[in-house]
C-alpha atoms as a PDB file:
ATOM      1  CA  UNK A   1       0.000   0.000   0.000  1.00  0.00           C
ATOM      2  CA  UNK A   2       2.870   2.366   0.790  1.00  0.00           C
ATOM      3  CA  UNK A   3       4.485   1.765  -2.611  1.00  0.00           C
ATOM      4  CA  UNK A   4       1.165   2.372  -4.327  1.00  0.00           C
ATOM      5  CA  UNK A   5       0.627   5.545  -2.294  1.00  0.00           C
ATOM      6  CA  UNK A   6       4.037   6.943  -3.254  1.00  0.00           C
ATOM      7  CA  UNK A   7       3.543   6.021  -6.914  1.00  0.00           C
ATOM      8  CA  UNK A   8       0.171   7.796  -7.110  1.00  0.00           C
ATOM      9  CA  UNK A   9       1.481  10.783  -5.171  1.00  0.00           C
ATOM     10  CA  UNK A  10       4.300  11.226  -7.683  1.00  0.00           C
ATOM     11  CA  UNK A  11       1.882  11.025 -10.619  1.00  0.00           C
ATOM     12  CA  UNK A  12      -0.293  13.700  -9.019  1.00  0.00           C
ATOM     13  CA  UNK A  13       2.709  15.897  -8.256  1.00  0.00           C
ATOM     14  CA  UNK A  14       4.279  16.026 -11.734  1.00  0.00           C
ATOM     15  CA  UNK A  15       1.717  18.356 -13.413  1.00  0.00           C
ATOM     16  CA  UNK A  16       2.048  20.565 -10.338  1.00  0.00           C
ATOM     17  CA  UNK A  17       5.834  20.574 -10.698  1.00  0.00           C
ATOM     18  CA  UNK A  18       5.613  21.569 -14.356  1.00  0.00           C
ATOM     19  CA  UNK A  19       3.241  24.413 -13.535  1.00  0.00           C
ATOM     20  CA  UNK A  20       5.304  25.600 -10.566  1.00  0.00           C
ATOM     21  CA  UNK A  21       8.603  25.499 -12.478  1.00  0.00           C
ATOM     22  CA  UNK A  22       7.101  27.442 -15.363  1.00  0.00           C
ATOM     23  CA  UNK A  23       5.623  30.042 -13.020  1.00  0.00           C
ATOM     24  CA  UNK A  24       8.898  30.431 -11.087  1.00  0.00           C
ATOM     25  CA  UNK A  25      10.764  31.132 -14.339  1.00  0.00           C
ATOM     26  CA  UNK A  26       8.125  33.707 -15.240  1.00  0.00           C
ATOM     27  CA  UNK A  27       8.027  35.351 -11.817  1.00  0.00           C
ATOM     28  CA  UNK A  28      11.813  35.645 -11.686  1.00  0.00           C
ATOM     29  CA  UNK A  29      11.436  38.159 -14.534  1.00  0.00           C
ATOM     30  CA  UNK A  30       8.996  40.208 -12.450  1.00  0.00           C
ATOM     31  CA  UNK A  31       5.814  38.950 -14.086  1.00  0.00           C
ATOM     32  CA  UNK A  32       3.011  37.427 -12.039  1.00  0.00           C
ATOM     33  CA  UNK A  33       1.261  35.124 -14.503  1.00  0.00           C
ATOM     34  CA  UNK A  34      -2.044  34.027 -12.970  1.00  0.00           C
ATOM     35  CA  UNK A  35      -2.856  32.544 -16.359  1.00  0.00           C
ATOM     36  CA  UNK A  36      -0.934  29.346 -15.580  1.00  0.00           C
ATOM     37  CA  UNK A  37      -4.144  27.288 -15.044  1.00  0.00           C
ATOM     38  CA  UNK A  38      -5.422  28.361 -18.457  1.00  0.00           C
ATOM     39  CA  UNK A  39      -2.047  27.742 -20.104  1.00  0.00           C
ATOM     40  CA  UNK A  40      -1.878  24.220 -18.672  1.00  0.00           C
ATOM     41  CA  UNK A  41      -5.395  23.622 -19.968  1.00  0.00           C
ATOM     42  CA  UNK A  42      -4.468  24.861 -23.444  1.00  0.00           C
ATOM     43  CA  UNK A  43      -1.304  22.750 -23.416  1.00  0.00           C
ATOM     44  CA  UNK A  44      -3.375  19.690 -22.546  1.00  0.00           C
ATOM     45  CA  UNK A  45      -6.068  20.186 -25.192  1.00  0.00           C
ATOM     46  CA  UNK A  46      -3.461  21.090 -27.846  1.00  0.00           C
ATOM     47  CA  UNK A  47      -1.649  17.804 -27.245  1.00  0.00           C
ATOM     48  CA  UNK A  48      -4.940  15.905 -27.136  1.00  0.00           C
ATOM     49  CA  UNK A  49      -5.977  17.447 -30.459  1.00  0.00           C
ATOM     50  CA  UNK A  50      -2.667  16.452 -32.068  1.00  0.00           C
ATOM     51  CA  UNK A  51      -2.946  12.899 -30.740  1.00  0.00           C
ATOM     52  CA  UNK A  52      -6.585  12.677 -31.836  1.00  0.00           C
ATOM     53  CA  UNK A  53      -5.761  13.746 -35.393  1.00  0.00           C
ATOM     54  CA  UNK A  54      -2.804  11.348 -35.640  1.00  0.00           C
ATOM     55  CA  UNK A  55      -4.795   8.378 -34.329  1.00  0.00           C
ATOM     56  CA  UNK A  56      -7.540   9.078 -36.867  1.00  0.00           C
ATOM     57  CA  UNK A  57      -4.969   9.375 -39.673  1.00  0.00           C
ATOM     58  CA  UNK A  58      -3.851   5.868 -38.716  1.00  0.00           C
ATOM     59  CA  UNK A  59      -7.430   4.624 -38.820  1.00  0.00           C
ATOM     60  CA  UNK A  60      -7.404   4.160 -35.023  1.00  0.00           C
ATOM     61  CA  UNK A  61      -5.225   1.106 -35.602  1.00  0.00           C
ATOM     62  CA  UNK A  62      -2.350   0.937 -33.066  1.00  0.00           C
ATOM     63  CA  UNK A  63      -0.376  -1.299 -35.451  1.00  0.00           C
ATOM     64  CA  UNK A  64      -0.147   1.553 -37.981  1.00  0.00           C
ATOM     65  CA  UNK A  65       1.110   4.091 -35.463  1.00  0.00           C
ATOM     66  CA  UNK A  66       4.743   5.127 -35.269  1.00  0.00           C
ATOM     67  CA  UNK A  67       6.045   5.442 -31.704  1.00  0.00           C
ATOM     68  CA  UNK A  68       8.128   8.553 -32.440  1.00  0.00           C
ATOM     69  CA  UNK A  69       5.285  10.383 -34.184  1.00  0.00           C
ATOM     70  CA  UNK A  70       2.784   9.305 -31.526  1.00  0.00           C
ATOM     71  CA  UNK A  71       4.893  11.138 -28.949  1.00  0.00           C
ATOM     72  CA  UNK A  72       6.319  13.940 -31.081  1.00  0.00           C
ATOM     73  CA  UNK A  73       3.055  15.237 -32.586  1.00  0.00           C
ATOM     74  CA  UNK A  74       1.220  15.762 -29.255  1.00  0.00           C
ATOM     75  CA  UNK A  75       4.342  17.292 -27.690  1.00  0.00           C
ATOM     76  CA  UNK A  76       4.826  19.757 -30.550  1.00  0.00           C
ATOM     77  CA  UNK A  77       1.149  20.707 -30.437  1.00  0.00           C
ATOM     78  CA  UNK A  78       1.418  21.256 -26.682  1.00  0.00           C
ATOM     79  CA  UNK A  79       4.526  23.385 -27.030  1.00  0.00           C
ATOM     80  CA  UNK A  80       3.044  25.508 -29.824  1.00  0.00           C
ATOM     81  CA  UNK A  81      -0.303  25.961 -28.084  1.00  0.00           C
ATOM     82  CA  UNK A  82       1.127  26.949 -24.707  1.00  0.00           C
ATOM     83  CA  UNK A  83       3.823  29.155 -26.303  1.00  0.00           C
ATOM     84  CA  UNK A  84       1.176  31.105 -28.238  1.00  0.00           C
ATOM     85  CA  UNK A  85      -0.776  31.776 -25.050  1.00  0.00           C
ATOM     86  CA  UNK A  86       2.451  32.816 -23.318  1.00  0.00           C
ATOM     87  CA  UNK A  87       3.189  35.127 -26.241  1.00  0.00           C
ATOM     88  CA  UNK A  88      -0.292  36.641 -25.948  1.00  0.00           C
ATOM     89  CA  UNK A  89       0.216  37.287 -22.243  1.00  0.00           C
ATOM     90  CA  UNK A  90       3.648  38.816 -22.905  1.00  0.00           C
ATOM     91  CA  UNK A  91       2.296  41.109 -25.618  1.00  0.00           C
ATOM     92  CA  UNK A  92      -0.485  42.368 -23.367  1.00  0.00           C
ATOM     93  CA  UNK A  93       1.662  42.909 -20.267  1.00  0.00           C
ATOM     94  CA  UNK A  94       5.102  43.800 -21.673  1.00  0.00           C
ATOM     95  CA  UNK A  95       4.253  45.675 -24.855  1.00  0.00           C
ATOM     96  CA  UNK A  96       0.779  46.985 -24.038  1.00  0.00           C
ATOM     97  CA  UNK A  97       1.531  47.257 -20.300  1.00  0.00           C
ATOM     98  CA  UNK A  98      -1.813  45.831 -19.256  1.00  0.00           C
ATOM     99  CA  UNK A  99      -2.419  44.959 -15.618  1.00  0.00           C
ATOM    100  CA  UNK A 100      -0.761  41.612 -14.952  1.00  0.00           C
ATOM    101  CA  UNK A 101      -3.332  40.319 -12.469  1.00  0.00           C
ATOM    102  CA  UNK A 102      -6.303  41.075 -14.691  1.00  0.00           C
ATOM    103  CA  UNK A 103      -4.540  39.742 -17.784  1.00  0.00           C
ATOM    104  CA  UNK A 104      -3.578  36.519 -16.029  1.00  0.00           C
ATOM    105  CA  UNK A 105      -7.110  35.885 -14.839  1.00  0.00           C
ATOM    106  CA  UNK A 106      -8.401  36.626 -18.325  1.00  0.00           C
ATOM    107  CA  UNK A 107      -5.895  34.155 -19.800  1.00  0.00           C
ATOM    108  CA  UNK A 108      -7.097  31.489 -17.368  1.00  0.00           C
ATOM    109  CA  UNK A 109     -10.728  32.061 -18.321  1.00  0.00           C
ATOM    110  CA  UNK A 110      -9.796  32.135 -22.009  1.00  0.00           C
ATOM    111  CA  UNK A 111      -7.670  28.976 -21.791  1.00  0.00           C
ATOM    112  CA  UNK A 112     -10.316  26.948 -19.986  1.00  0.00           C
ATOM    113  CA  UNK A 113     -12.966  28.171 -22.437  1.00  0.00           C
ATOM    114  CA  UNK A 114     -10.867  27.246 -25.463  1.00  0.00           C
ATOM    115  CA  UNK A 115     -10.047  23.858 -23.934  1.00  0.00           C
ATOM    116  CA  UNK A 116     -13.682  23.036 -23.228  1.00  0.00           C
ATOM    117  CA  UNK A 117     -14.750  24.220 -26.682  1.00  0.00           C
ATOM    118  CA  UNK A 118     -12.169  22.111 -28.517  1.00  0.00           C
ATOM    119  CA  UNK A 119     -12.666  19.186 -26.151  1.00  0.00           C
ATOM    120  CA  UNK A 120     -16.422  19.311 -26.630  1.00  0.00           C
ATOM    121  CA  UNK A 121     -15.978  19.441 -30.400  1.00  0.00           C
ATOM    122  CA  UNK A 122     -13.730  16.368 -30.380  1.00  0.00           C
ATOM    123  CA  UNK A 123     -16.154  14.511 -28.115  1.00  0.00           C
ATOM    124  CA  UNK A 124     -18.943  15.145 -30.623  1.00  0.00           C
ATOM    125  CA  UNK A 125     -16.772  13.735 -33.415  1.00  0.00           C
ATOM    126  CA  UNK A 126     -16.308  10.395 -31.640  1.00  0.00           C
ATOM    127  CA  UNK A 127     -20.041  10.212 -30.879  1.00  0.00           C
ATOM    128  CA  UNK A 128     -19.439   8.519 -27.540  1.00  0.00           C
ATOM    129  CA  UNK A 129     -22.063   7.828 -24.890  1.00  0.00           C
ATOM    130  CA  UNK A 130     -19.523   9.008 -22.306  1.00  0.00           C
ATOM    131  CA  UNK A 131     -18.517  12.702 -22.658  1.00  0.00           C
ATOM    132  CA  UNK A 132     -14.814  11.982 -23.030  1.00  0.00           C
ATOM    133  CA  UNK A 133     -12.068  11.118 -25.519  1.00  0.00           C
ATOM    134  CA  UNK A 134      -9.979   7.990 -24.990  1.00  0.00           C
ATOM    135  CA  UNK A 135      -6.526   8.174 -26.581  1.00  0.00           C
ATOM    136  CA  UNK A 136      -5.326   4.896 -25.131  1.00  0.00           C
ATOM    137  CA  UNK A 137      -2.994   4.047 -28.021  1.00  0.00           C
ATOM    138  CA  UNK A 138      -1.080   7.316 -27.678  1.00  0.00           C
ATOM    139  CA  UNK A 139      -1.123   7.048 -23.904  1.00  0.00           C
ATOM    140  CA  UNK A 140       0.657   3.687 -24.041  1.00  0.00           C
ATOM    141  CA  UNK A 141       3.635   5.309 -25.759  1.00  0.00           C
ATOM    142  CA  UNK A 142       3.721   8.156 -23.248  1.00  0.00           C
ATOM    143  CA  UNK A 143       3.485   5.746 -20.300  1.00  0.00           C
ATOM    144  CA  UNK A 144       6.218   3.384 -21.530  1.00  0.00           C
ATOM    145  CA  UNK A 145       8.644   2.577 -18.711  1.00  0.00           C
ATOM    146  CA  UNK A 146      12.024   0.878 -18.409  1.00  0.00           C
ATOM    147  CA  UNK A 147      11.669  -2.832 -19.256  1.00  0.00           C
ATOM    148  CA  UNK A 148      13.566  -3.984 -16.174  1.00  0.00           C
ATOM    149  CA  UNK A 149      11.721  -1.761 -13.671  1.00  0.00           C
ATOM    150  CA  UNK A 150       9.271  -4.461 -12.581  1.00  0.00           C
ATOM    151  CA  UNK A 151      12.143  -6.842 -11.805  1.00  0.00           C
ATOM    152  CA  UNK A 152      13.645  -4.627  -9.114  1.00  0.00           C
ATOM    153  CA  UNK A 153      10.879  -4.913  -6.533  1.00  0.00           C
ATOM    154  CA  UNK A 154       9.864  -1.868  -4.510  1.00  0.00           C
ATOM    155  CA  UNK A 155      12.878   0.139  -5.750  1.00  0.00           C
ATOM    156  CA  UNK A 156      11.772  -0.245  -9.353  1.00  0.00           C
ATOM    157  CA  UNK A 157       8.159   0.525  -8.461  1.00  0.00           C
ATOM    158  CA  UNK A 158       9.018   3.729  -6.616  1.00  0.00           C
ATOM    159  CA  UNK A 159      11.852   5.148  -8.729  1.00  0.00           C
ATOM    160  CA  UNK A 160      11.814   3.569 -12.206  1.00  0.00           C
ATOM    161  CA  UNK A 161       8.166   2.959 -13.130  1.00  0.00           C
ATOM    162  CA  UNK A 162       7.178   6.379 -14.430  1.00  0.00           C
ATOM    163  CA  UNK A 163       6.710   7.929 -17.859  1.00  0.00           C
ATOM    164  CA  UNK A 164       9.493   9.955 -19.489  1.00  0.00           C
ATOM    165  CA  UNK A 165       7.709  13.268 -18.836  1.00  0.00           C
ATOM    166  CA  UNK A 166       7.926  12.592 -15.101  1.00  0.00           C
ATOM    167  CA  UNK A 167      11.707  12.407 -15.221  1.00  0.00           C
ATOM    168  CA  UNK A 168      11.851  15.373 -17.589  1.00  0.00           C
ATOM    169  CA  UNK A 169       9.894  17.478 -15.078  1.00  0.00           C
ATOM    170  CA  UNK A 170      12.574  16.857 -12.437  1.00  0.00           C
ATOM    171  CA  UNK A 171      15.356  17.548 -14.948  1.00  0.00           C
ATOM    172  CA  UNK A 172      13.649  20.785 -16.018  1.00  0.00           C
ATOM    173  CA  UNK A 173      13.432  21.971 -12.395  1.00  0.00           C
ATOM    174  CA  UNK A 174      17.109  21.172 -11.762  1.00  0.00           C
ATOM    175  CA  UNK A 175      18.215  22.864 -14.993  1.00  0.00           C
ATOM    176  CA  UNK A 176      16.103  25.919 -14.150  1.00  0.00           C
ATOM    177  CA  UNK A 177      17.817  26.109 -10.750  1.00  0.00           C
ATOM    178  CA  UNK A 178      21.279  25.944 -12.309  1.00  0.00           C
ATOM    179  CA  UNK A 179      20.461  28.529 -14.969  1.00  0.00           C
ATOM    180  CA  UNK A 180      18.922  30.954 -12.481  1.00  0.00           C
ATOM    181  CA  UNK A 181      21.678  30.630  -9.873  1.00  0.00           C
ATOM    182  CA  UNK A 182      24.845  29.877 -11.831  1.00  0.00           C
ATOM    183  CA  UNK A 183      24.674  31.560 -15.241  1.00  0.00           C
ATOM    184  CA  UNK A 184      24.814  35.104 -16.551  1.00  0.00           C
ATOM    185  CA  UNK A 185      21.425  34.663 -18.212  1.00  0.00           C
ATOM    186  CA  UNK A 186      19.953  33.763 -14.842  1.00  0.00           C
ATOM    187  CA  UNK A 187      21.640  36.742 -13.208  1.00  0.00           C
ATOM    188  CA  UNK A 188      20.226  39.097 -15.824  1.00  0.00           C
ATOM    189  CA  UNK A 189      16.778  37.548 -15.459  1.00  0.00           C
ATOM    190  CA  UNK A 190      16.819  37.928 -11.694  1.00  0.00           C
ATOM    191  CA  UNK A 191      18.017  41.515 -12.003  1.00  0.00           C
ATOM    192  CA  UNK A 192      15.104  42.262 -14.322  1.00  0.00           C
ATOM    193  CA  UNK A 193      12.722  40.865 -11.732  1.00  0.00           C
ATOM    194  CA  UNK A 194      14.322  42.729  -8.838  1.00  0.00           C
ATOM    195  CA  UNK A 195      14.997  46.141 -10.382  1.00  0.00           C
ATOM    196  CA  UNK A 196      14.268  46.471 -14.107  1.00  0.00           C
ATOM    197  CA  UNK A 197      15.420  50.105 -14.212  1.00  0.00           C
ATOM    198  CA  UNK A 198      18.876  49.196 -12.926  1.00  0.00           C
ATOM    199  CA  UNK A 199      19.063  46.206 -15.267  1.00  0.00           C
ATOM    200  CA  UNK A 200      18.081  48.424 -18.190  1.00  0.00           C
ATOM    201  CA  UNK A 201      20.752  50.956 -17.274  1.00  0.00           C
ATOM    202  CA  UNK A 202      23.290  48.105 -17.233  1.00  0.00           C
ATOM    203  CA  UNK A 203      22.384  47.201 -20.821  1.00  0.00           C
ATOM    204  CA  UNK A 204      19.981  44.315 -20.158  1.00  0.00           C
ATOM    205  CA  UNK A 205      17.031  44.196 -22.557  1.00  0.00           C
ATOM    206  CA  UNK A 206      14.137  44.065 -20.082  1.00  0.00           C
ATOM    207  CA  UNK A 207      11.438  43.374 -22.673  1.00  0.00           C
ATOM    208  CA  UNK A 208      13.478  40.567 -24.257  1.00  0.00           C
ATOM    209  CA  UNK A 209      14.052  38.779 -20.954  1.00  0.00           C
ATOM    210  CA  UNK A 210      10.443  39.152 -19.850  1.00  0.00           C
ATOM    211  CA  UNK A 211       9.142  37.865 -23.172  1.00  0.00           C
ATOM    212  CA  UNK A 212      11.562  34.933 -23.106  1.00  0.00           C
ATOM    213  CA  UNK A 213      10.911  33.978 -19.468  1.00  0.00           C
ATOM    214  CA  UNK A 214       7.132  34.176 -19.869  1.00  0.00           C
ATOM    215  CA  UNK A 215       7.029  32.110 -23.063  1.00  0.00           C
ATOM    216  CA  UNK A 216       9.461  29.482 -21.742  1.00  0.00           C
ATOM    217  CA  UNK A 217       7.521  29.348 -18.487  1.00  0.00           C
ATOM    218  CA  UNK A 218       4.275  28.877 -20.419  1.00  0.00           C
ATOM    219  CA  UNK A 219       5.757  25.997 -22.436  1.00  0.00           C
ATOM    220  CA  UNK A 220       6.997  24.252 -19.285  1.00  0.00           C
ATOM    221  CA  UNK A 221       3.585  24.664 -17.647  1.00  0.00           C
ATOM    222  CA  UNK A 222       1.850  23.401 -20.789  1.00  0.00           C
ATOM    223  CA  UNK A 223       3.839  20.172 -20.625  1.00  0.00           C
ATOM    224  CA  UNK A 224       2.210  19.552 -17.270  1.00  0.00           C
ATOM    225  CA  UNK A 225      -1.162  19.548 -19.000  1.00  0.00           C
ATOM    226  CA  UNK A 226      -0.301  16.858 -21.534  1.00  0.00           C
ATOM    227  CA  UNK A 227       1.492  14.793 -18.876  1.00  0.00           C
ATOM    228  CA  UNK A 228      -1.652  14.816 -16.768  1.00  0.00           C
ATOM    229  CA  UNK A 229      -3.842  13.592 -19.624  1.00  0.00           C
ATOM    230  CA  UNK A 230      -1.505  10.969 -21.059  1.00  0.00           C
ATOM    231  CA  UNK A 231       0.112   9.576 -17.899  1.00  0.00           C
ATOM    232  CA  UNK A 232      -2.183  10.269 -14.966  1.00  0.00           C
ATOM    233  CA  UNK A 233      -5.540  10.057 -16.780  1.00  0.00           C
ATOM    234  CA  UNK A 234      -4.439   7.222 -19.143  1.00  0.00           C
ATOM    235  CA  UNK A 235      -5.116   9.304 -22.260  1.00  0.00           C
ATOM    236  CA  UNK A 236      -8.708  10.167 -21.333  1.00  0.00           C
ATOM    237  CA  UNK A 237      -9.834  13.766 -21.811  1.00  0.00           C
ATOM    238  CA  UNK A 238     -13.074  15.087 -20.366  1.00  0.00           C
ATOM    239  CA  UNK A 239     -13.973  18.735 -19.983  1.00  0.00           C
ATOM    240  CA  UNK A 240     -13.281  20.318 -16.585  1.00  0.00           C
ATOM    241  CA  UNK A 241     -11.509  17.170 -15.359  1.00  0.00           C
ATOM    242  CA  UNK A 242      -8.239  19.035 -14.871  1.00  0.00           C
ATOM    243  CA  UNK A 243      -9.464  20.488 -11.600  1.00  0.00           C
ATOM    244  CA  UNK A 244      -7.557  23.143  -9.680  1.00  0.00           C
ATOM    245  CA  UNK A 245      -4.069  21.874 -10.463  1.00  0.00           C
ATOM    246  CA  UNK A 246      -3.046  25.153 -12.073  1.00  0.00           C
ATOM    247  CA  UNK A 247      -3.894  27.100  -8.934  1.00  0.00           C
ATOM    248  CA  UNK A 248      -2.092  24.533  -6.801  1.00  0.00           C
ATOM    249  CA  UNK A 249       0.994  25.032  -8.956  1.00  0.00           C
ATOM    250  CA  UNK A 250       0.896  28.764  -8.199  1.00  0.00           C
ATOM    251  CA  UNK A 251       0.563  27.969  -4.491  1.00  0.00           C
ATOM    252  CA  UNK A 252       3.627  25.717  -4.728  1.00  0.00           C
ATOM    253  CA  UNK A 253       5.655  28.662  -6.071  1.00  0.00           C
ATOM    254  CA  UNK A 254       5.098  30.431  -2.754  1.00  0.00           C
ATOM    255  CA  UNK A 255       5.626  27.249  -0.743  1.00  0.00           C
ATOM    256  CA  UNK A 256       8.913  26.572  -2.589  1.00  0.00           C
ATOM    257  CA  UNK A 257      10.127  30.133  -1.920  1.00  0.00           C
ATOM    258  CA  UNK A 258      10.582  30.761  -5.650  1.00  0.00           C
ATOM    259  CA  UNK A 259      13.215  28.003  -5.963  1.00  0.00           C
ATOM    260  CA  UNK A 260      12.705  25.346  -8.696  1.00  0.00           C
ATOM    261  CA  UNK A 261      14.723  22.742  -6.783  1.00  0.00           C
ATOM    262  CA  UNK A 262      12.512  23.210  -3.725  1.00  0.00           C
ATOM    263  CA  UNK A 263       9.469  22.899  -5.980  1.00  0.00           C
ATOM    264  CA  UNK A 264      10.344  19.226  -6.549  1.00  0.00           C
ATOM    265  CA  UNK A 265       9.878  18.372  -2.878  1.00  0.00           C
ATOM    266  CA  UNK A 266       6.944  20.730  -2.419  1.00  0.00           C
ATOM    267  CA  UNK A 267       5.116  19.259  -5.416  1.00  0.00           C
ATOM    268  CA  UNK A 268       5.544  15.758  -4.038  1.00  0.00           C
ATOM    269  CA  UNK A 269       4.242  16.933  -0.658  1.00  0.00           C
ATOM    270  CA  UNK A 270       1.205  18.457  -2.351  1.00  0.00           C
ATOM    271  CA  UNK A 271       0.714  15.259  -4.340  1.00  0.00           C
ATOM    272  CA  UNK A 272       0.892  13.177  -1.163  1.00  0.00           C
ATOM    273  CA  UNK A 273      -1.584  15.417   0.630  1.00  0.00           C
ATOM    274  CA  UNK A 274      -3.968  15.332  -2.336  1.00  0.00           C
ATOM    275  CA  UNK A 275      -3.653  11.555  -2.470  1.00  0.00           C
ATOM    276  CA  UNK A 276      -4.134  11.104   1.260  1.00  0.00           C
ATOM    277  CA  UNK A 277      -7.914  11.429   1.201  1.00  0.00           C
ATOM    278  CA  UNK A 278      -8.132   8.353  -1.076  1.00  0.00           C
ATOM    279  CA  UNK A 279      -6.639   6.215   1.708  1.00  0.00           C
ATOM    280  CA  UNK A 280      -8.832   7.494   4.496  1.00  0.00           C
ATOM    281  CA  UNK A 281     -11.839   5.269   4.979  1.00  0.00           C
ATOM    282  CA  UNK A 282     -14.684   5.469   7.447  1.00  0.00           C
ATOM    283  CA  UNK A 283     -14.308   9.182   8.180  1.00  0.00           C
ATOM    284  CA  UNK A 284     -17.102  10.378   5.910  1.00  0.00           C
ATOM    285  CA  UNK A 285     -17.120  12.477   2.768  1.00  0.00           C
ATOM    286  CA  UNK A 286     -16.960  15.755   4.688  1.00  0.00           C
ATOM    287  CA  UNK A 287     -13.753  14.752   6.453  1.00  0.00           C
ATOM    288  CA  UNK A 288     -12.183  13.640   3.173  1.00  0.00           C
ATOM    289  CA  UNK A 289     -12.989  17.039   1.687  1.00  0.00           C
ATOM    290  CA  UNK A 290     -11.267  18.698   4.637  1.00  0.00           C
ATOM    291  CA  UNK A 291      -8.101  16.717   3.893  1.00  0.00           C
ATOM    292  CA  UNK A 292      -8.126  18.184   0.376  1.00  0.00           C
ATOM    293  CA  UNK A 293      -7.627  21.587   1.979  1.00  0.00           C
ATOM    294  CA  UNK A 294      -4.307  20.574   3.568  1.00  0.00           C
ATOM    295  CA  UNK A 295      -2.031  21.755   0.693  1.00  0.00           C
ATOM    296  CA  UNK A 296      -3.516  25.236   0.843  1.00  0.00           C
ATOM    297  CA  UNK A 297      -3.414  25.372   4.642  1.00  0.00           C
ATOM    298  CA  UNK A 298       0.265  24.428   4.585  1.00  0.00           C
ATOM    299  CA  UNK A 299       0.928  27.123   1.966  1.00  0.00           C
ATOM    300  CA  UNK A 300      -0.723  29.778   4.150  1.00  0.00           C
ATOM    301  CA  UNK A 301       1.364  28.681   7.141  1.00  0.00           C
ATOM    302  CA  UNK A 302       4.578  28.867   5.099  1.00  0.00           C
ATOM    303  CA  UNK A 303       3.605  32.292   3.736  1.00  0.00           C
ATOM    304  CA  UNK A 304       2.980  33.629   7.247  1.00  0.00           C
ATOM    305  CA  UNK A 305       6.213  32.093   8.542  1.00  0.00           C
ATOM    306  CA  UNK A 306       8.365  33.552   5.745  1.00  0.00           C
ATOM    307  CA  UNK A 307       6.708  36.947   6.127  1.00  0.00           C
ATOM    308  CA  UNK A 308       7.573  36.978   9.814  1.00  0.00           C
ATOM    309  CA  UNK A 309      11.201  36.010   9.216  1.00  0.00           C
ATOM    310  CA  UNK A 310      11.537  38.615   6.419  1.00  0.00           C
ATOM    311  CA  UNK A 311      14.627  37.011   4.912  1.00  0.00           C
ATOM    312  CA  UNK A 312      15.274  38.573   1.518  1.00  0.00           C
ATOM    313  CA  UNK A 313      16.100  35.252  -0.140  1.00  0.00           C
ATOM    314  CA  UNK A 314      12.679  33.936   0.904  1.00  0.00           C
ATOM    315  CA  UNK A 315      10.753  36.837  -0.603  1.00  0.00           C
ATOM    316  CA  UNK A 316       9.370  37.202  -4.143  1.00  0.00           C
ATOM    317  CA  UNK A 317      11.174  39.360  -6.721  1.00  0.00           C
ATOM    318  CA  UNK A 318      10.900  43.000  -5.673  1.00  0.00           C
ATOM    319  CA  UNK A 319       9.245  44.127  -8.923  1.00  0.00           C
ATOM    320  CA  UNK A 320       6.860  41.167  -9.151  1.00  0.00           C
ATOM    321  CA  UNK A 321       3.566  42.202 -10.702  1.00  0.00           C
ATOM    322  CA  UNK A 322       4.792  45.695 -11.652  1.00  0.00           C
ATOM    323  CA  UNK A 323       4.986  46.775 -15.282  1.00  0.00           C
ATOM    324  CA  UNK A 324       8.168  48.553 -16.352  1.00  0.00           C
ATOM    325  CA  UNK A 325       7.903  52.036 -17.844  1.00  0.00           C
ATOM    326  CA  UNK A 326      11.275  52.991 -19.265  1.00  0.00           C
ATOM    327  CA  UNK A 327      10.263  56.630 -19.421  1.00  0.00           C
ATOM    328  CA  UNK A 328      10.129  56.701 -15.622  1.00  0.00           C
ATOM    329  CA  UNK A 329      13.677  55.417 -15.221  1.00  0.00           C
END
C-alpha cells in the first residue's frame, strides 16, 4: 500500500511541478502570470488534439502508429499551443503594459474556455455515450517505462516505473535552478525581476528577458497539462476534469520560496496530501474534503512564517507584478 501511495502521489505531483517550475521562471522576470491554469489547460487540449488527429490518420489502428510520431506530434502541439498563449500574455503585459493580475485571470478564463470548446468538439466527433475522448494508443507510448523496472521490486516501483515526462519534469526543475543561480542569463533575469530600471541601465534588454521567461515558463507549464492527460488520466480527456491543479501550482511557487529545486519536494508533498484522502476510509465524505484543503493550509502557514522572518532570499522578486515604464527610469 505504501508503494502504491508513493507512486500515485508522484503522478499527481508532476503536473504541479511543471506548472510551478514554469511560473517560477516567469516570476523571476517580475511577471506574475495568474494565467498558468489556463495555459496548462491549453497545453493539454493542444496535445490531445494532435494525438486525436494522428490516431484518426492511422485509422485508429495501433499497429499503424509510429512510436516517435505518436509522442512527437502531441508534444509539438502542446509546445506551440502553450507558447502562443504565453506570447499573448507577454504582448499584453510587456508591450501593451496591461495589468498583470487582470490579464492573467483573463488568460485562465480564455484557456479553460478554449479547452472546453475544442474538447467538446472532439467529443462530438467520436459520438461517444460518455462525454470523453480515450486516446489509449497514444497514452501507451507516453506511459512506456524501463523494461527492467518491474524486476527490481519496490525500488523499481518507486523510482523507475514512471513515464518519461515525469523524469523530464525533475530535470527541467534542476536545470532551471542551475540557470537561475549559476549563469549570466539567470543573473540578468533575476536583475530584471528585482529592479528592471537598474538592469536596463546596465544594458539588459528588459522586454526581451520578460518575453523569453514568460514564453518558456508557459511551455513548461503546458507540458504539465499533456502529462496529466496521457500519464495520470491514461489518455482520457473530459472537460473540466483538470481540476484546480493550475492554482495549486501557483501555491507551490510560494511554498517553494521561488526556488525550482525546492518545488520538486513541495510538489511531491502536495501530491501526497492530495492523495491522502483516497486512503482514508470510514471518516465520511466531509472529512475527506477537509483533507483536500491541507495543501492550501500548509501554503498559508509557510507564507505567514516567511513573512515573519523577512529574509530577503525567501521573498518574491521585488518588482513582481509591476509593469516597467522605461520613461520613468
